[in-house]
Each structure stands twice: as C-alpha cells, then as structure tokens.
Amino acid sequence: MNTFSLPKTQHLVVFQEVIRSGSIGAGAKALGLTQPAVSKIIGDMESYFGSELIVRRNTGVSLTEAGQVFLNWSEAITREMKIWSMK
C-alpha cells in the first residue's frame, strides 16, 4: 500500500538539489537537511512513482531515464509556481 501522497513542492526542490549537487549528502547539506531525511524523500518519491529516479553510487548519483523525465517535470512545475507567485 502506498502511504506517500503526491510529492510536495519541497520534495521537488530536494530532488533538484540532489541532482545539482551531485550527491544526496551534498544536496542535504545545501538544503540544511540531514542525509537520511533526503534519502527518505527520494525513496518515498521512487515508491510513489514506482520507478527508480536516481542511481546511487559511492561517487554520487546519476539520473535514470525516469529520473530525467521527473527532473524535467519538477523543474517545469517549480518554474510555473515562481511565475504564478509573482502575479
């Protein structure tokens, strides 16, 4: 049973920062969050969508094909939200 609801805006920002930073740890540090909290957010989103979004390695993370689609979508959503918040 999926207990994770639709990702919140903050979750999209977390995902984007992990990709920008290159690792879960660096993304967590940039956002002032703990690494376990960021790992949980990413894992919950992967469970919700039923797809692995990133490949975790000792050297950092890389996007899967689904992750690239999700990144594009999340960037479009956050961009639109910024535009609407200025109106």
C-alpha atoms as a PDB file:
ATOM      1  CA  MET A   1       0.000   0.000   0.000  1.00  0.00           C
ATOM      2  CA  ASN A   2       1.326   3.428  -0.987  1.00  0.00           C
ATOM      3  CA  THR A   3       1.237   5.727   2.045  1.00  0.00           C
ATOM      4  CA  PHE A   4       3.173   8.577   0.421  1.00  0.00           C
ATOM      5  CA  SER A   5       0.989  11.315  -1.003  1.00  0.00           C
ATOM      6  CA  LEU A   6       1.724  13.305  -4.140  1.00  0.00           C
ATOM      7  CA  PRO A   7       5.127  14.981  -3.766  1.00  0.00           C
ATOM      8  CA  LYS A   8       5.096  18.448  -2.237  1.00  0.00           C
ATOM      9  CA  THR A   9       6.914  21.390  -3.754  1.00  0.00           C
ATOM     10  CA  GLN A  10       9.667  20.962  -1.158  1.00  0.00           C
ATOM     11  CA  HIS A  11      10.220  17.395  -2.349  1.00  0.00           C
ATOM     12  CA  LEU A  12      10.698  18.630  -5.908  1.00  0.00           C
ATOM     13  CA  VAL A  13      13.263  21.154  -4.691  1.00  0.00           C
ATOM     14  CA  VAL A  14      15.072  18.433  -2.720  1.00  0.00           C
ATOM     15  CA  PHE A  15      15.242  16.207  -5.795  1.00  0.00           C
ATOM     16  CA  GLN A  16      16.515  19.066  -7.964  1.00  0.00           C
ATOM     17  CA  GLU A  17      19.196  19.999  -5.421  1.00  0.00           C
ATOM     18  CA  VAL A  18      20.436  16.412  -5.128  1.00  0.00           C
ATOM     19  CA  ILE A  19      20.905  16.332  -8.898  1.00  0.00           C
ATOM     20  CA  ARG A  20      22.502  19.803  -8.980  1.00  0.00           C
ATOM     21  CA  SER A  21      24.834  18.934  -6.096  1.00  0.00           C
ATOM     22  CA  GLY A  22      25.718  15.504  -7.444  1.00  0.00           C
ATOM     23  CA  SER A  23      25.025  13.526  -4.278  1.00  0.00           C
ATOM     24  CA  ILE A  24      22.442  13.016  -1.580  1.00  0.00           C
ATOM     25  CA  GLY A  25      24.865  14.201   1.103  1.00  0.00           C
ATOM     26  CA  ALA A  26      25.807  17.390  -0.744  1.00  0.00           C
ATOM     27  CA  GLY A  27      22.165  18.101  -1.548  1.00  0.00           C
ATOM     28  CA  ALA A  28      21.211  17.613   2.084  1.00  0.00           C
ATOM     29  CA  LYS A  29      23.969  19.951   3.235  1.00  0.00           C
ATOM     30  CA  ALA A  30      22.964  22.644   0.726  1.00  0.00           C
ATOM     31  CA  LEU A  31      19.367  22.478   1.962  1.00  0.00           C
ATOM     32  CA  GLY A  32      20.199  22.275   5.664  1.00  0.00           C
ATOM     33  CA  LEU A  33      18.675  18.805   5.945  1.00  0.00           C
ATOM     34  CA  THR A  34      20.085  15.512   7.120  1.00  0.00           C
ATOM     35  CA  GLN A  35      21.229  12.900   4.631  1.00  0.00           C
ATOM     36  CA  PRO A  36      18.721  10.331   5.994  1.00  0.00           C
ATOM     37  CA  ALA A  37      15.852  12.833   5.563  1.00  0.00           C
ATOM     38  CA  VAL A  38      16.815  13.487   1.947  1.00  0.00           C
ATOM     39  CA  SER A  39      17.264   9.762   1.263  1.00  0.00           C
ATOM     40  CA  LYS A  40      13.779   9.142   2.649  1.00  0.00           C
ATOM     41  CA  ILE A  41      12.232  11.856   0.473  1.00  0.00           C
ATOM     42  CA  ILE A  42      13.881  10.432  -2.653  1.00  0.00           C
ATOM     43  CA  GLY A  43      12.943   6.872  -1.698  1.00  0.00           C
ATOM     44  CA  ASP A  44       9.345   7.865  -0.978  1.00  0.00           C
ATOM     45  CA  MET A  45       9.061   9.547  -4.373  1.00  0.00           C
ATOM     46  CA  GLU A  46      10.517   6.481  -6.080  1.00  0.00           C
ATOM     47  CA  SER A  47       7.966   4.308  -4.275  1.00  0.00           C
ATOM     48  CA  TYR A  48       5.131   6.657  -5.192  1.00  0.00           C
ATOM     49  CA  PHE A  49       6.016   6.693  -8.889  1.00  0.00           C
ATOM     50  CA  GLY A  50       7.069   3.047  -8.970  1.00  0.00           C
ATOM     51  CA  SER A  51      10.376   3.856 -10.665  1.00  0.00           C
ATOM     52  CA  GLU A  52      13.966   4.326  -9.632  1.00  0.00           C
ATOM     53  CA  LEU A  53      14.741   8.016 -10.221  1.00  0.00           C
ATOM     54  CA  ILE A  54      18.447   8.028  -9.402  1.00  0.00           C
ATOM     55  CA  VAL A  55      21.285   5.533  -9.313  1.00  0.00           C
ATOM     56  CA  ARG A  56      23.172   5.794  -6.034  1.00  0.00           C
ATOM     57  CA  ARG A  57      26.909   5.199  -6.129  1.00  0.00           C
ATOM     58  CA  ASN A  58      29.779   5.894  -3.752  1.00  0.00           C
ATOM     59  CA  THR A  59      30.837   8.676  -6.109  1.00  0.00           C
ATOM     60  CA  GLY A  60      27.405  10.343  -6.210  1.00  0.00           C
ATOM     61  CA  VAL A  61      24.135   9.984  -8.034  1.00  0.00           C
ATOM     62  CA  SER A  62      23.083   9.833 -11.658  1.00  0.00           C
ATOM     63  CA  LEU A  63      19.660  10.069 -13.225  1.00  0.00           C
ATOM     64  CA  THR A  64      17.787   7.119 -14.615  1.00  0.00           C
ATOM     65  CA  GLU A  65      15.632   7.659 -17.690  1.00  0.00           C
ATOM     66  CA  ALA A  66      12.602   8.042 -15.421  1.00  0.00           C
ATOM     67  CA  GLY A  67      14.611  10.405 -13.240  1.00  0.00           C
ATOM     68  CA  GLN A  68      15.376  12.646 -16.221  1.00  0.00           C
ATOM     69  CA  VAL A  69      11.672  12.808 -17.080  1.00  0.00           C
ATOM     70  CA  PHE A  70      10.858  13.571 -13.439  1.00  0.00           C
ATOM     71  CA  LEU A  71      13.566  16.250 -13.255  1.00  0.00           C
ATOM     72  CA  ASN A  72      12.192  17.984 -16.354  1.00  0.00           C
ATOM     73  CA  TRP A  73       8.664  17.815 -14.959  1.00  0.00           C
ATOM     74  CA  SER A  74       9.690  19.054 -11.500  1.00  0.00           C
ATOM     75  CA  GLU A  75      11.645  21.974 -12.964  1.00  0.00           C
ATOM     76  CA  ALA A  76       8.647  22.967 -15.101  1.00  0.00           C
ATOM     77  CA  ILE A  77       6.356  22.826 -12.058  1.00  0.00           C
ATOM     78  CA  THR A  78       8.637  24.900  -9.827  1.00  0.00           C
ATOM     79  CA  ARG A  79       9.233  27.401 -12.650  1.00  0.00           C
ATOM     80  CA  GLU A  80       5.471  27.849 -13.136  1.00  0.00           C
ATOM     81  CA  MET A  81       4.929  28.204  -9.397  1.00  0.00           C
ATOM     82  CA  LYS A  82       7.516  31.009  -9.275  1.00  0.00           C
ATOM     83  CA  ILE A  83       5.782  32.788 -12.164  1.00  0.00           C
ATOM     84  CA  TRP A  84       2.364  32.480 -10.538  1.00  0.00           C
ATOM     85  CA  SER A  85       3.678  33.664  -7.174  1.00  0.00           C
ATOM     86  CA  MET A  86       4.791  36.932  -8.811  1.00  0.00           C
ATOM     87  CA  LYS A  87       1.299  37.748 -10.128  1.00  0.00           C
END
